[in-house]
């Protein structure tokens, strides 16, 4: 096993989730109640062409290739009742 990967597994559970999210190939982000980005994965930054710092505070809807999908996405997220929800959406690069 790769030593670096092995160290990640030794982390306390509360610290493990951010490490795992940073290593997954998908785009992950979290928004506040107003739809502004409050956390983005490093892969989101790489794939979309923004720095993480540029993305924090942006309106997530501005990243959607089809902004009219925002209402569907919000509905899907709210249906999760506070649980993490996987939503597939096409995003625009910088």
Protein backbone atom coordinates (compact mmCIF):
# COMPACT_ATOMS: atom_id res chain seq x y z
CA UNK A 1 0.00 0.00 0.00
CA UNK A 2 1.17 3.52 -0.77
CA UNK A 3 2.45 5.13 2.46
CA UNK A 4 0.59 8.38 1.72
CA UNK A 5 -2.71 6.52 1.26
CA UNK A 6 -2.08 4.50 4.40
CA UNK A 7 -1.65 7.68 6.45
CA UNK A 8 -5.05 8.97 5.33
CA UNK A 9 -6.70 5.85 6.73
CA UNK A 10 -5.09 6.52 10.12
CA UNK A 11 -6.94 9.83 10.50
CA UNK A 12 -9.81 10.19 12.96
CA UNK A 13 -13.18 9.73 11.20
CA UNK A 14 -14.02 13.44 11.45
CA UNK A 15 -10.83 14.31 9.54
CA UNK A 16 -11.11 11.50 7.00
CA UNK A 17 -14.08 12.79 4.97
CA UNK A 18 -12.38 15.96 3.64
CA UNK A 19 -9.32 13.91 2.67
CA UNK A 20 -11.47 11.39 0.80
CA UNK A 21 -13.47 14.11 -0.98
CA UNK A 22 -10.24 15.74 -2.15
CA UNK A 23 -9.09 12.48 -3.72
CA UNK A 24 -12.25 11.47 -5.58
CA UNK A 25 -12.39 12.25 -9.31
CA UNK A 26 -15.81 13.94 -9.16
CA UNK A 27 -16.61 17.59 -8.52
CA UNK A 28 -17.87 18.25 -5.00
CA UNK A 29 -19.00 21.52 -3.53
CA UNK A 30 -21.18 22.80 -0.72
CA UNK A 31 -23.31 25.92 -0.75
CA UNK A 32 -24.91 28.09 1.88
CA UNK A 33 -28.65 28.81 2.04
CA UNK A 34 -28.21 31.49 -0.63
CA UNK A 35 -26.52 29.19 -3.14
CA UNK A 36 -23.02 30.61 -2.64
CA UNK A 37 -20.10 28.19 -2.59
CA UNK A 38 -18.68 27.71 0.89
CA UNK A 39 -16.50 24.64 0.16
CA UNK A 40 -15.18 23.18 -3.09
CA UNK A 41 -13.03 20.15 -3.77
CA UNK A 42 -9.62 20.57 -5.33
CA UNK A 43 -10.87 18.52 -8.28
CA UNK A 44 -13.67 21.05 -8.84
CA UNK A 45 -11.02 23.72 -9.12
CA UNK A 46 -8.91 21.68 -11.55
CA UNK A 47 -11.81 20.61 -13.75
CA UNK A 48 -13.52 24.00 -13.92
CA UNK A 49 -10.39 26.15 -14.27
CA UNK A 50 -10.86 28.35 -11.18
CA UNK A 51 -8.72 28.46 -8.08
CA UNK A 52 -10.45 27.28 -4.91
CA UNK A 53 -10.16 30.86 -3.61
CA UNK A 54 -11.94 32.23 -6.70
CA UNK A 55 -14.77 29.75 -6.28
CA UNK A 56 -15.51 30.42 -2.60
CA UNK A 57 -18.36 32.93 -2.46
CA UNK A 58 -19.43 32.40 -6.08
CA UNK A 59 -23.06 31.60 -6.77
CA UNK A 60 -23.22 27.92 -7.69
CA UNK A 61 -25.85 28.68 -10.32
CA UNK A 62 -23.23 30.61 -12.26
CA UNK A 63 -21.35 27.35 -12.84
CA UNK A 64 -24.29 25.50 -14.39
CA UNK A 65 -24.12 25.02 -18.16
CA UNK A 66 -27.92 25.38 -18.09
CA UNK A 67 -28.84 27.80 -15.28
CA UNK A 68 -32.53 26.98 -15.74
CA UNK A 69 -31.77 23.62 -14.05
CA UNK A 70 -31.17 25.37 -10.73
CA UNK A 71 -34.76 24.92 -9.51
CA UNK A 72 -34.57 21.15 -10.19
CA UNK A 73 -31.26 20.91 -8.37
CA UNK A 74 -32.55 22.86 -5.35
CA UNK A 75 -35.63 20.62 -5.25
CA UNK A 76 -33.46 17.47 -5.32
CA UNK A 77 -31.21 18.78 -2.55
CA UNK A 78 -34.16 19.78 -0.35
CA UNK A 79 -35.71 16.34 -0.84
CA UNK A 80 -32.62 14.95 0.89
CA UNK A 81 -33.81 16.40 4.23
CA UNK A 82 -30.36 17.53 5.33
CA UNK A 83 -28.54 14.47 4.00
CA UNK A 84 -25.84 14.64 1.34
CA UNK A 85 -27.40 14.30 -2.09
CA UNK A 86 -25.72 13.31 -5.34
CA UNK A 87 -26.91 15.64 -8.08
CA UNK A 88 -25.69 15.28 -11.62
CA UNK A 89 -25.40 18.56 -13.49
CA UNK A 90 -23.37 19.84 -16.42
CA UNK A 91 -20.99 22.61 -15.35
CA UNK A 92 -19.17 25.31 -17.32
CA UNK A 93 -15.44 25.84 -17.33
CA UNK A 94 -13.95 29.27 -16.70
